[in-house]
């Protein structure tokens, strides 16, 4: 299933009381399309209530869709002088008067317009929703400092004595993450002071907008689902802000006053604040998962280790595959005992999470892989991507996907996916690699409803990086996955193409994000002198090197996959994927 081009899918609901933010006494919350009032433009601020009516407010992404769908006459100079800077940017973008983003690093002046970030040959019409979503994520990446986040933590969380000096920024694609620790009473004994480690995540403006808050709620439920089945992943830390709720229709909740009959007090899991650039961002705190990232495990990996990682991927697939579809929920609800209201409410909330994730159009969802070619064409037009051999490799994968995957897309299983089981998000929960390793998973920002086989393809694509014989390592991993989560013959047939498609997505989008310089930032320091600030604004913008992680070995892996061929890979997967000890190459 695909969202029609030129439109944005809207999620149909928010989360339950645990997932929705609340305003403190005396503050207005977002209800019936009204925007919550924020008392201060800087942190800390009183959070808004996420989920009261997430679909009512008009978001920046909806405005962007309207801008790209129609063009208006360029405003006169006199009219431009009367506008604010933001209004001028919108008016010029709507008229198509803004120039293209140059391929060289721009200086820190005004942010690039959304229109200039879209591929050159598709700006006027038929713009895929995924393109607008991806461009907006770069434009609305959080522009906040560690000091601002620290003040928010102190104001809205009660997690002990937070160490400001411990805060360090972690790599991220569209959001911002910080590690920190705090000294607090032992949760078991309640007396002994212990050090607890956390991660604070500030979401980009797209995920923080009203229509996307149901997605954030669904991410929290996916983490809870995996944790309940023994899979190690971060846990959400609730803030000290509270609200009162009563169950609403179809799994929703209504925020009510404290004296409402049947109202339950819930502590909020997210805090929404307004940054200094007037963009709203959602903040939440999670427990820190100690251990070693899979990418930090020294090469070469043994067959036993690779197979164990495959078993872990299969466990995740198996647990999430148990999530009921809306059709299954409807059938179960009709046969359920009406006296068991809590079970019905729980099922309805699972259904709302499914709908929120299903309506999400993400470029990193392999269902939308063909949209990646728009970004590749734009890189070619701008002169950034000039390697003819690599362009030809990408076109080969696009053609294969069109003729092999799309015709059978309606026959593939669908379910909820983590959607980003790469070597940066899978962890070894020990300092050393042992015969029996315990794994964990982090970063649930790309959770979607999509083809179930995509989870397998994504994990295998990153397994191929930096390997002497990537086909063999992928086959060993597949044998571990198959032992827990068997895939169907149709899924096995298209698996090689899906693996290559994920590699192309990572390579093209990493290059696009870096070279368009829309993820680069310069440090903000309010204590700098005007002269120093002016010098900082003239300095070239540097890209976020984290988005280039796959570039180092991705092209090598892709070339080996294409040289092997889909048919040979398929035969190796059939031979090795169903065997306990894969044959050597």
Protein backbone atom coordinates (compact mmCIF):
# COMPACT_ATOMS: atom_id res chain seq x y z
CA UNK A 1 0.00 0.00 0.00
CA UNK A 2 1.19 3.49 -0.86
CA UNK A 3 0.10 6.94 0.11
CA UNK A 4 -1.08 8.83 -3.01
CA UNK A 5 1.51 11.21 -4.41
CA UNK A 6 1.09 14.80 -3.44
CA UNK A 7 -0.78 13.97 -0.22
CA UNK A 8 0.28 13.23 3.32
CA UNK A 9 -1.10 10.34 5.29
CA UNK A 10 -2.62 11.46 8.58
CA UNK A 11 -2.51 9.21 11.64
CA UNK A 12 -5.91 8.60 13.12
CA UNK A 13 -5.20 8.98 16.77
CA UNK A 14 -2.89 9.57 19.67
CA UNK A 15 -1.67 7.34 22.44
CA UNK A 16 -3.16 6.44 25.76
CA UNK A 17 -2.60 8.30 29.00
CA UNK A 18 0.94 7.00 29.41
CA UNK A 19 1.99 8.38 26.05
CA UNK A 20 0.34 11.81 26.05
CA UNK A 21 1.86 14.97 27.47
CA UNK A 22 -0.05 17.34 29.70
CA UNK A 23 0.04 21.01 30.61
CA UNK A 24 0.46 22.13 34.19
CA UNK A 25 -2.42 23.81 36.00
CA UNK A 26 -3.46 27.06 34.39
CA UNK A 27 -2.06 26.28 30.92
CA UNK A 28 -4.13 25.71 27.80
CA UNK A 29 -3.80 22.36 26.06
CA UNK A 30 -4.24 21.50 22.41
CA UNK A 31 -7.95 20.65 22.04
CA UNK A 32 -10.30 20.95 19.07
CA UNK A 33 -7.68 22.40 16.76
CA UNK A 34 -6.44 25.12 19.11
CA UNK A 35 -2.69 25.52 19.63
CA UNK A 36 -1.35 25.20 23.14
CA UNK A 37 -0.04 28.43 24.63
CA UNK A 38 3.63 28.35 25.55
CA UNK A 39 4.65 30.98 28.02
CA UNK A 40 8.31 31.28 27.04
CA UNK A 41 10.09 30.90 23.70
CA UNK A 42 13.07 29.34 25.46
CA UNK A 43 13.58 26.27 27.60
CA UNK A 44 12.29 25.41 30.10
CA UNK A 45 8.68 25.85 29.09
CA UNK A 46 5.39 24.34 30.11
CA UNK A 47 4.78 21.34 27.85
CA UNK A 48 1.76 21.01 25.62
CA UNK A 49 -0.64 18.10 25.75
CA UNK A 50 0.16 15.62 22.98
CA UNK A 51 -2.76 13.65 21.62
CA UNK A 52 -5.79 15.69 22.73
CA UNK A 53 -6.64 16.27 19.07
CA UNK A 54 -3.51 15.48 17.08
CA UNK A 55 -5.19 15.59 13.69
CA UNK A 56 -6.75 19.02 14.13
CA UNK A 57 -3.77 21.35 13.90
CA UNK A 58 -2.35 22.35 10.54
CA UNK A 59 1.28 21.22 10.38
CA UNK A 60 4.27 22.53 8.50
CA UNK A 61 4.26 19.43 6.32
CA UNK A 62 0.70 20.15 5.17
CA UNK A 63 1.76 23.70 4.30
CA UNK A 64 4.73 22.32 2.38
CA UNK A 65 2.42 20.09 0.36
CA UNK A 66 0.30 23.07 -0.59
CA UNK A 67 3.40 25.06 -1.56
CA UNK A 68 4.64 22.39 -3.92
CA UNK A 69 1.20 21.70 -5.38
CA UNK A 70 0.65 25.18 -6.73
CA UNK A 71 2.65 28.26 -7.66
CA UNK A 72 1.71 31.87 -7.01
CA UNK A 73 2.81 35.16 -8.56
CA UNK A 74 6.06 36.50 -7.17
CA UNK A 75 5.36 39.25 -4.59
CA UNK A 76 6.45 42.82 -5.26
CA UNK A 77 9.44 44.39 -3.53
CA UNK A 78 7.12 46.65 -1.55
CA UNK A 79 5.11 43.67 -0.34
CA UNK A 80 8.28 41.82 0.61
CA UNK A 81 9.49 44.73 2.72
CA UNK A 82 6.29 44.59 4.78
CA UNK A 83 6.70 40.88 5.51
CA UNK A 84 8.63 39.15 8.25
CA UNK A 85 11.63 37.05 7.23
CA UNK A 86 9.64 33.82 7.60
CA UNK A 87 6.77 35.20 5.50
CA UNK A 88 9.23 36.27 2.79
CA UNK A 89 10.71 32.77 2.67
CA UNK A 90 7.26 31.17 2.30
CA UNK A 91 6.15 33.69 -0.36
CA UNK A 92 9.29 33.26 -2.43
CA UNK A 93 9.16 29.45 -2.14
CA UNK A 94 5.52 29.44 -3.27
CA UNK A 95 6.37 31.51 -6.35
CA UNK A 96 9.44 29.46 -7.22
CA UNK A 97 11.63 32.55 -6.99
CA UNK A 98 14.25 31.07 -4.68
CA UNK A 99 17.44 29.73 -6.31
CA UNK A 100 18.65 26.15 -6.03
CA UNK A 101 20.82 25.11 -3.11
CA UNK A 102 24.44 25.21 -4.35
CA UNK A 103 26.52 22.07 -4.26
CA UNK A 104 29.24 23.85 -2.30
CA UNK A 105 28.94 24.48 1.41
CA UNK A 106 26.80 27.60 2.03
CA UNK A 107 27.47 30.07 4.80
CA UNK A 108 25.33 30.25 7.91
CA UNK A 109 22.73 32.77 6.78
CA UNK A 110 19.03 32.02 6.43
CA UNK A 111 17.95 28.35 6.15
CA UNK A 112 17.39 26.98 2.66
CA UNK A 113 13.79 26.95 1.50
CA UNK A 114 11.85 23.73 1.18
CA UNK A 115 11.24 24.32 -2.53
CA UNK A 116 14.97 24.50 -3.29
CA UNK A 117 15.61 21.21 -1.48
CA UNK A 118 13.26 19.21 -3.68
CA UNK A 119 14.62 17.47 -6.79
CA UNK A 120 14.83 19.82 -9.74
CA UNK A 121 12.60 17.92 -12.15
CA UNK A 122 9.64 17.31 -9.85
CA UNK A 123 9.11 20.59 -8.02
CA UNK A 124 5.93 21.73 -9.72
CA UNK A 125 3.76 18.60 -9.51
CA UNK A 126 3.50 14.95 -8.46
CA UNK A 127 5.78 15.38 -5.47
CA UNK A 128 5.91 12.12 -3.45
CA UNK A 129 4.94 12.47 0.18
CA UNK A 130 8.19 10.82 1.22
CA UNK A 131 10.21 13.61 -0.40
CA UNK A 132 8.40 16.35 1.48
CA UNK A 133 8.74 14.36 4.71
CA UNK A 134 12.49 13.86 4.24
CA UNK A 135 13.15 17.49 3.28
CA UNK A 136 11.17 18.79 6.23
CA UNK A 137 13.08 16.57 8.65
CA UNK A 138 16.32 18.21 7.60
CA UNK A 139 14.88 21.72 7.84
CA UNK A 140 13.31 21.07 11.24
CA UNK A 141 16.16 19.23 12.93
CA UNK A 142 16.43 20.37 16.57
CA UNK A 143 18.46 23.55 17.09
CA UNK A 144 18.92 23.20 20.84
CA UNK A 145 21.93 23.14 23.14
CA UNK A 146 22.85 20.86 26.01
CA UNK A 147 22.22 23.72 28.46
CA UNK A 148 18.64 24.14 27.22
CA UNK A 149 18.01 20.40 27.48
CA UNK A 150 19.50 20.33 30.98
CA UNK A 151 17.09 23.06 32.14
CA UNK A 152 14.16 21.10 30.71
CA UNK A 153 15.28 17.97 32.54
CA UNK A 154 15.57 19.83 35.84
CA UNK A 155 12.16 21.45 35.40
CA UNK A 156 10.08 18.46 34.28
CA UNK A 157 11.78 15.27 35.53
CA UNK A 158 12.39 13.91 38.99
CA UNK A 159 15.22 11.44 38.40
CA UNK A 160 17.68 12.52 41.06
CA UNK A 161 20.76 14.72 41.03
CA UNK A 162 21.53 15.14 37.29
CA UNK A 163 25.18 15.64 36.43
CA UNK A 164 25.45 18.48 33.93
CA UNK A 165 29.07 17.62 33.17
CA UNK A 166 28.10 14.08 32.18
CA UNK A 167 25.98 15.21 29.22
CA UNK A 168 27.53 14.27 25.88
CA UNK A 169 25.86 14.31 22.48
CA UNK A 170 25.34 11.00 20.69
CA UNK A 171 25.23 10.46 16.90
CA UNK A 172 21.81 10.95 15.33
CA UNK A 173 20.28 11.38 11.88
CA UNK A 174 17.27 13.69 12.23
CA UNK A 175 16.97 14.08 16.01
CA UNK A 176 19.36 15.02 18.82
CA UNK A 177 20.39 12.69 21.63
CA UNK A 178 22.41 13.21 24.80
CA UNK A 179 23.78 10.71 27.29
CA UNK A 180 23.80 11.68 30.97
CA UNK A 181 23.70 10.10 34.41
CA UNK A 182 22.10 11.04 37.70
CA UNK A 183 22.55 10.03 41.32
CA UNK A 184 19.29 8.82 42.82
CA UNK A 185 17.95 6.37 45.43
CA UNK A 186 18.09 2.70 44.54
CA UNK A 187 14.67 1.80 43.05
CA UNK A 188 14.79 -1.54 44.95
CA UNK A 189 15.87 -0.52 48.44
CA UNK A 190 14.93 3.16 48.19
CA UNK A 191 17.85 4.15 50.40
CA UNK A 192 21.24 3.55 48.80
CA UNK A 193 22.33 6.25 46.35
CA UNK A 194 23.25 4.78 42.96
CA UNK A 195 24.28 6.16 39.58
CA UNK A 196 21.69 5.61 36.86
CA UNK A 197 22.35 6.26 33.17
CA UNK A 198 19.88 7.81 30.74
CA UNK A 199 19.47 9.11 27.20
CA UNK A 200 17.43 12.22 26.46
CA UNK A 201 16.06 12.45 22.91
CA UNK A 202 14.82 15.67 21.30
CA UNK A 203 12.69 14.79 18.28
CA UNK A 204 12.73 16.79 15.06
CA UNK A 205 9.90 19.17 14.29
CA UNK A 206 8.10 16.73 11.97
CA UNK A 207 7.70 13.98 14.57
CA UNK A 208 6.83 16.63 17.19
CA UNK A 209 3.90 18.07 15.19
CA UNK A 210 0.32 17.30 16.13
CA UNK A 211 -0.41 14.69 13.46
CA UNK A 212 2.73 12.70 14.32
CA UNK A 213 2.29 12.37 18.06
CA UNK A 214 0.37 9.14 17.58
CA UNK A 215 3.57 7.76 15.99
CA UNK A 216 5.60 8.64 19.10
CA UNK A 217 2.99 6.91 21.25
CA UNK A 218 3.17 3.83 19.01
CA UNK A 219 6.97 3.74 19.31
CA UNK A 220 6.65 3.57 23.09
CA UNK A 221 4.20 0.69 22.84
CA UNK A 222 6.53 -1.20 20.49
CA UNK A 223 9.34 -0.86 23.05
CA UNK A 224 7.00 -2.11 25.76
CA UNK A 225 5.95 -5.07 23.60
CA UNK A 226 9.55 -6.16 23.02
CA UNK A 227 10.47 -5.63 26.67
CA UNK A 228 7.53 -7.77 27.79
CA UNK A 229 8.91 -10.65 25.69
CA UNK A 230 12.41 -10.47 27.14
CA UNK A 231 14.12 -8.42 24.43
CA UNK A 232 16.41 -5.80 25.93
CA UNK A 233 15.60 -2.26 24.80
CA UNK A 234 15.34 1.19 26.41
CA UNK A 235 12.46 1.94 28.78
CA UNK A 236 10.56 5.22 28.89
CA UNK A 237 11.03 7.41 31.97
CA UNK A 238 7.89 9.31 32.92
CA UNK A 239 8.04 12.99 33.77
CA UNK A 240 6.62 14.53 36.95
CA UNK A 241 3.83 16.19 34.97
CA UNK A 242 0.44 14.58 35.41
CA UNK A 243 -2.96 14.66 33.73
CA UNK A 244 -6.34 13.00 34.24
CA UNK A 245 -7.86 10.89 31.50
CA UNK A 246 -10.88 8.74 30.72
CA UNK A 247 -11.11 6.17 27.91
CA UNK A 248 -12.43 7.51 24.61
CA UNK A 249 -13.77 5.74 21.51
CA UNK A 250 -11.60 3.39 19.42
CA UNK A 251 -8.66 3.29 21.81
CA UNK A 252 -8.30 7.05 22.31
CA UNK A 253 -8.25 8.87 25.66
CA UNK A 254 -9.82 12.15 26.69
CA UNK A 255 -8.10 14.64 29.01
CA UNK A 256 -10.48 15.70 31.76
CA UNK A 257 -10.46 17.53 35.08
CA UNK A 258 -9.41 15.78 38.27
CA UNK A 259 -12.96 15.62 39.66
CA UNK A 260 -14.40 13.81 36.63
CA UNK A 261 -15.94 10.44 37.61
CA UNK A 262 -13.69 7.57 36.55
CA UNK A 263 -10.70 9.83 35.78
CA UNK A 264 -7.28 8.22 36.16
CA UNK A 265 -4.11 10.11 36.95
CA UNK A 266 -1.37 9.52 34.41
CA UNK A 267 2.21 10.76 34.37
CA UNK A 268 3.38 12.05 31.00
CA UNK A 269 6.04 10.29 28.97
CA UNK A 270 6.89 13.28 26.75
CA UNK A 271 7.43 17.02 27.09
CA UNK A 272 6.85 19.39 24.18
CA UNK A 273 8.60 22.77 24.19
CA UNK A 274 9.21 25.68 21.85
CA UNK A 275 12.84 26.19 20.78
CA UNK A 276 14.42 29.60 20.23
CA UNK A 277 13.82 29.31 16.47
CA UNK A 278 10.07 28.98 17.18
CA UNK A 279 9.91 25.29 16.21
CA UNK A 280 8.13 22.92 18.59
CA UNK A 281 10.07 19.81 19.64
CA UNK A 282 9.15 16.83 21.77
CA UNK A 283 11.56 15.58 24.42
CA UNK A 284 11.57 12.24 26.21
CA UNK A 285 13.96 10.40 28.51
CA UNK A 286 14.89 6.72 28.17
CA UNK A 287 17.07 4.36 30.15
CA UNK A 288 20.57 3.90 28.78
CA UNK A 289 21.40 0.42 27.51
CA UNK A 290 25.00 -0.40 28.53
CA UNK A 291 27.15 -2.55 26.32
CA UNK A 292 28.96 -2.46 22.99
CA UNK A 293 27.54 -1.53 19.61
CA UNK A 294 27.65 -4.28 17.00
CA UNK A 295 29.77 -2.01 14.79
CA UNK A 296 32.44 -1.92 17.53
CA UNK A 297 32.85 -5.70 17.68
CA UNK A 298 36.23 -6.50 16.05
CA UNK A 299 36.25 -8.21 12.66
CA UNK A 300 36.16 -10.91 11.45
CA UNK A 301 32.98 -12.18 13.11
CA UNK A 302 32.75 -15.90 13.73
CA UNK A 303 29.92 -17.95 12.22
CA UNK A 304 28.58 -18.60 15.72
CA UNK A 305 28.41 -14.88 16.47
CA UNK A 306 26.78 -13.99 13.14
CA UNK A 307 24.19 -16.72 13.59
CA UNK A 308 23.42 -15.54 17.13
CA UNK A 309 22.79 -12.05 15.80
CA UNK A 310 20.45 -13.60 13.24
CA UNK A 311 18.54 -15.40 15.99
CA UNK A 312 18.14 -12.06 17.78
CA UNK A 313 16.74 -10.44 14.62
CA UNK A 314 14.37 -13.38 14.22
CA UNK A 315 13.15 -12.95 17.81
CA UNK A 316 12.31 -9.30 17.14
CA UNK A 317 10.45 -10.26 13.95
CA UNK A 318 8.55 -13.00 15.77
CA UNK A 319 7.46 -10.77 18.67
CA UNK A 320 6.32 -7.89 16.47
CA UNK A 321 4.58 -10.31 14.13
CA UNK A 322 2.26 -11.16 17.04
CA UNK A 323 0.91 -7.60 17.00
CA UNK A 324 -2.76 -7.93 15.93
CA UNK A 325 -3.91 -6.24 12.74
CA UNK A 326 -7.01 -3.96 12.83
CA UNK A 327 -9.04 -6.74 11.18
CA UNK A 328 -7.96 -9.26 13.81
CA UNK A 329 -8.71 -6.77 16.59
CA UNK A 330 -12.20 -6.20 15.22
CA UNK A 331 -12.93 -9.93 15.17
CA UNK A 332 -11.55 -10.49 18.68
CA UNK A 333 -13.45 -7.49 20.09
CA UNK A 334 -16.73 -8.82 18.74
CA UNK A 335 -16.21 -12.14 20.53
CA UNK A 336 -14.67 -10.76 23.71
CA UNK A 337 -16.53 -10.69 27.00
CA UNK A 338 -17.89 -7.14 27.30
CA UNK A 339 -17.26 -7.23 31.04
CA UNK A 340 -13.52 -7.38 30.40
CA UNK A 341 -13.30 -3.70 29.48
CA UNK A 342 -9.56 -3.43 30.06
CA UNK A 343 -8.82 -6.10 27.44
CA UNK A 344 -11.01 -4.33 24.90
CA UNK A 345 -9.35 -0.97 25.63
CA UNK A 346 -5.91 -2.55 25.26
CA UNK A 347 -6.85 -4.09 21.90
CA UNK A 348 -8.29 -0.81 20.66
CA UNK A 349 -5.11 1.03 21.63
CA UNK A 350 -3.04 -1.52 19.72
CA UNK A 351 -5.27 -0.89 16.74
CA UNK A 352 -4.72 2.86 17.00
CA UNK A 353 -0.94 2.33 17.06
CA UNK A 354 -1.17 0.19 13.93
CA UNK A 355 -3.17 2.86 12.09
CA UNK A 356 -0.74 5.61 13.13
CA UNK A 357 2.27 3.64 11.86
CA UNK A 358 0.50 2.45 8.72
CA UNK A 359 -0.26 6.03 7.66
CA UNK A 360 3.41 6.98 7.99
CA UNK A 361 5.14 7.60 4.64
CA UNK A 362 8.88 7.22 5.31
CA UNK A 363 11.54 7.13 2.63
CA UNK A 364 13.40 4.50 4.69
CA UNK A 365 10.43 2.16 4.34
CA UNK A 366 11.31 -0.14 1.44
CA UNK A 367 7.75 0.09 0.16
CA UNK A 368 8.74 3.58 -1.01
CA UNK A 369 12.13 2.62 -2.43
CA UNK A 370 11.32 3.89 -5.93
CA UNK A 371 11.08 7.44 -4.52
CA UNK A 372 14.82 7.32 -3.73
CA UNK A 373 15.53 7.76 -7.44
CA UNK A 374 14.21 11.34 -7.23
CA UNK A 375 16.97 12.19 -4.75
CA UNK A 376 19.59 10.39 -6.84
CA UNK A 377 18.53 12.34 -9.96
CA UNK A 378 18.79 15.57 -8.01
CA UNK A 379 22.33 14.71 -6.90
CA UNK A 380 23.27 14.01 -10.52
CA UNK A 381 21.74 17.28 -11.75
CA UNK A 382 23.57 19.27 -9.10
CA UNK A 383 26.87 17.66 -10.06
CA UNK A 384 27.36 16.02 -6.66
CA UNK A 385 26.94 12.41 -7.83
CA UNK A 386 29.15 12.06 -10.94
CA UNK A 387 30.35 8.45 -10.77
CA UNK A 388 28.71 6.83 -13.82
CA UNK A 389 29.43 3.30 -12.61
CA UNK A 390 27.73 3.88 -9.26
CA UNK A 391 24.78 5.61 -10.89
CA UNK A 392 24.41 2.59 -13.18
CA UNK A 393 24.55 0.26 -10.15
CA UNK A 394 21.70 2.17 -8.51
CA UNK A 395 19.63 2.12 -11.70
CA UNK A 396 20.11 -1.65 -11.90
CA UNK A 397 18.58 -2.03 -8.43
CA UNK A 398 15.69 0.33 -9.27
CA UNK A 399 14.85 -1.71 -12.36
CA UNK A 400 15.08 -5.00 -10.48
CA UNK A 401 12.80 -3.68 -7.71
CA UNK A 402 10.25 -2.50 -10.26
CA UNK A 403 10.07 -5.82 -12.08
CA UNK A 404 10.66 -8.31 -9.24
CA UNK A 405 9.22 -6.79 -6.06
CA UNK A 406 6.35 -4.53 -7.09
CA UNK A 407 4.38 -7.25 -8.96
CA UNK A 408 4.23 -9.43 -5.81
CA UNK A 409 3.84 -6.64 -3.23
CA UNK A 410 0.20 -7.54 -2.53
CA UNK A 411 1.24 -11.11 -1.63
CA UNK A 412 3.74 -10.12 1.07
CA UNK A 413 3.01 -10.30 4.79
CA UNK A 414 2.72 -6.98 6.59
CA UNK A 415 3.40 -6.15 10.21
CA UNK A 416 5.06 -3.69 12.57
CA UNK A 417 8.81 -3.34 12.01
CA UNK A 418 11.69 -1.76 13.89
CA UNK A 419 12.88 -0.90 10.37
CA UNK A 420 16.48 0.00 11.24
CA UNK A 421 18.32 -3.03 12.62
CA UNK A 422 21.73 -1.81 11.52
CA UNK A 423 25.12 -2.25 13.16
CA UNK A 424 24.65 1.05 15.03
CA UNK A 425 21.36 -0.01 16.67
CA UNK A 426 22.09 -3.59 17.74
CA UNK A 427 24.12 -3.96 20.93
CA UNK A 428 26.12 -6.64 22.71
CA UNK A 429 25.18 -6.35 26.38
CA UNK A 430 28.66 -7.24 27.60
CA UNK A 431 32.16 -5.90 27.19
CA UNK A 432 33.44 -9.01 25.45
CA UNK A 433 32.10 -11.38 22.83
CA UNK A 434 31.28 -14.79 24.31
CA UNK A 435 29.91 -18.10 23.07
CA UNK A 436 26.46 -17.06 24.26
CA UNK A 437 25.84 -13.35 23.71
CA UNK A 438 22.92 -11.31 24.94
CA UNK A 439 21.82 -8.68 22.46
CA UNK A 440 19.80 -5.48 22.78
CA UNK A 441 18.22 -3.01 20.38
CA UNK A 442 17.95 0.80 20.44
CA UNK A 443 16.56 3.66 18.29
CA UNK A 444 12.88 3.13 17.46
CA UNK A 445 12.53 6.31 15.40
CA UNK A 446 11.87 4.48 12.11
CA UNK A 447 9.14 2.10 13.32
CA UNK A 448 6.57 1.51 10.55
CA UNK A 449 3.95 -0.91 9.31
CA UNK A 450 5.43 -2.52 6.20
CA UNK A 451 6.35 -5.82 4.58
CA UNK A 452 7.61 -8.20 7.25
CA UNK A 453 10.49 -9.42 5.08
CA UNK A 454 11.94 -5.89 5.08
CA UNK A 455 13.15 -6.39 8.65
CA UNK A 456 15.17 -9.39 7.52
CA UNK A 457 16.51 -7.60 4.44
CA UNK A 458 17.64 -4.54 6.43
CA UNK A 459 19.54 -6.58 9.01
CA UNK A 460 21.22 -8.65 6.28
CA UNK A 461 22.16 -5.55 4.27
CA UNK A 462 24.18 -4.13 7.14
CA UNK A 463 25.60 -7.57 7.90
CA UNK A 464 27.24 -7.41 4.46
CA UNK A 465 29.34 -4.34 5.33
CA UNK A 466 33.10 -4.74 5.79
CA UNK A 467 32.95 -8.50 5.09
CA UNK A 468 35.36 -10.46 2.92
CA UNK A 469 32.53 -12.70 1.69
CA UNK A 470 29.28 -10.81 2.34
CA UNK A 471 27.09 -13.50 0.75
CA UNK A 472 28.36 -16.08 3.20
CA UNK A 473 27.86 -13.87 6.25
CA UNK A 474 24.35 -12.97 5.13
CA UNK A 475 23.57 -16.66 4.63
CA UNK A 476 24.79 -17.47 8.14
CA UNK A 477 22.66 -14.68 9.60
CA UNK A 478 19.66 -15.91 7.60
CA UNK A 479 20.05 -19.40 9.04
CA UNK A 480 19.69 -17.87 12.52
CA UNK A 481 16.66 -15.80 11.49
CA UNK A 482 14.99 -18.82 9.87
CA UNK A 483 15.34 -20.85 13.06
CA UNK A 484 12.99 -18.39 14.82
CA UNK A 485 11.09 -16.58 12.08
CA UNK A 486 10.72 -18.61 8.84
CA UNK A 487 10.13 -16.54 5.72
CA UNK A 488 7.88 -17.59 2.84
CA UNK A 489 9.09 -18.74 -0.61
CA UNK A 490 7.97 -15.47 -2.23
CA UNK A 491 9.84 -13.47 0.41
CA UNK A 492 12.94 -15.59 -0.14
CA UNK A 493 12.78 -14.99 -3.89
CA UNK A 494 12.79 -11.17 -3.58
CA UNK A 495 15.14 -11.01 -0.57
CA UNK A 496 18.33 -10.32 -2.63
CA UNK A 497 16.65 -7.37 -4.34
CA UNK A 498 15.40 -5.93 -1.03
CA UNK A 499 18.91 -6.18 0.46
CA UNK A 500 20.37 -4.24 -2.45
CA UNK A 501 17.52 -1.72 -2.23
CA UNK A 502 18.33 -0.95 1.39
CA UNK A 503 22.00 -0.44 0.57
CA UNK A 504 21.09 1.98 -2.23
CA UNK A 505 18.74 3.90 0.08
CA UNK A 506 21.44 4.28 2.72
CA UNK A 507 24.09 5.31 0.20
CA UNK A 508 22.00 7.82 -1.77
CA UNK A 509 20.25 9.42 1.19
CA UNK A 510 23.45 9.66 3.21
CA UNK A 511 25.11 11.44 0.30
CA UNK A 512 22.10 13.71 -0.23
CA UNK A 513 21.82 14.68 3.43
CA UNK A 514 25.50 15.52 3.68
CA UNK A 515 26.09 17.35 0.41
CA UNK A 516 22.93 19.42 0.55
CA UNK A 517 24.27 20.75 3.86
CA UNK A 518 20.85 20.73 5.47
CA UNK A 519 21.92 18.68 8.46
CA UNK A 520 24.95 20.83 9.27
CA UNK A 521 24.90 23.09 12.26
CA UNK A 522 27.14 25.63 13.93
CA UNK A 523 27.35 25.85 17.72
CA UNK A 524 25.24 28.54 19.32
CA UNK A 525 26.68 30.41 22.27
CA UNK A 526 24.76 33.35 23.64
CA UNK A 527 27.83 34.64 25.47
CA UNK A 528 29.84 35.29 22.32
CA UNK A 529 30.60 38.83 21.28
CA UNK A 530 28.83 40.31 18.20
CA UNK A 531 32.11 40.09 16.28
CA UNK A 532 32.55 36.40 17.13
CA UNK A 533 28.91 35.70 16.21
CA UNK A 534 29.34 37.42 12.85
CA UNK A 535 32.46 35.36 12.15
CA UNK A 536 30.58 32.15 13.04
CA UNK A 537 27.78 33.04 10.62
CA UNK A 538 30.28 33.46 7.77
CA UNK A 539 31.96 30.09 8.45
CA UNK A 540 31.07 27.26 6.05
CA UNK A 541 28.42 24.85 7.25
CA UNK A 542 29.83 21.39 7.89
CA UNK A 543 27.75 18.28 7.31
CA UNK A 544 26.79 15.65 9.82
CA UNK A 545 29.38 12.92 9.21
CA UNK A 546 27.15 10.32 10.92
CA UNK A 547 24.94 10.18 7.79
CA UNK A 548 27.96 8.98 5.77
CA UNK A 549 28.56 5.88 7.91
CA UNK A 550 27.52 3.42 5.18
CA UNK A 551 29.53 5.16 2.43
CA UNK A 552 32.79 3.66 3.68
CA UNK A 553 31.90 0.07 2.82
CA UNK A 554 28.41 0.20 1.30
CA UNK A 555 29.52 0.64 -2.31
CA UNK A 556 31.89 -2.32 -2.01
CA UNK A 557 29.15 -4.53 -0.59
CA UNK A 558 26.66 -3.41 -3.28
CA UNK A 559 29.11 -4.13 -6.09
CA UNK A 560 29.73 -7.64 -4.76
CA UNK A 561 26.02 -8.30 -4.49
CA UNK A 562 25.41 -7.17 -8.07
CA UNK A 563 28.40 -9.15 -9.32
CA UNK A 564 27.04 -12.29 -7.66
CA UNK A 565 23.57 -11.81 -9.11
CA UNK A 566 20.13 -12.28 -7.59
CA UNK A 567 19.77 -15.87 -8.80
CA UNK A 568 23.07 -17.02 -7.29
CA UNK A 569 22.28 -15.22 -4.03
CA UNK A 570 18.86 -16.86 -3.97
CA UNK A 571 20.43 -20.31 -4.35
CA UNK A 572 22.96 -19.60 -1.58
CA UNK A 573 20.17 -18.42 0.71
CA UNK A 574 18.14 -21.55 -0.03
CA UNK A 575 21.14 -23.79 0.61
CA UNK A 576 22.55 -21.99 3.64
CA UNK A 577 19.44 -20.38 5.09
CA UNK A 578 17.86 -23.71 5.97
CA UNK A 579 21.01 -25.40 7.25
CA UNK A 580 22.56 -25.35 10.70
CA UNK A 581 26.13 -25.08 9.35
CA UNK A 582 26.26 -23.08 6.11
CA UNK A 583 28.61 -24.36 3.47
CA UNK A 584 31.72 -22.32 2.89
CA UNK A 585 31.98 -20.25 -0.27
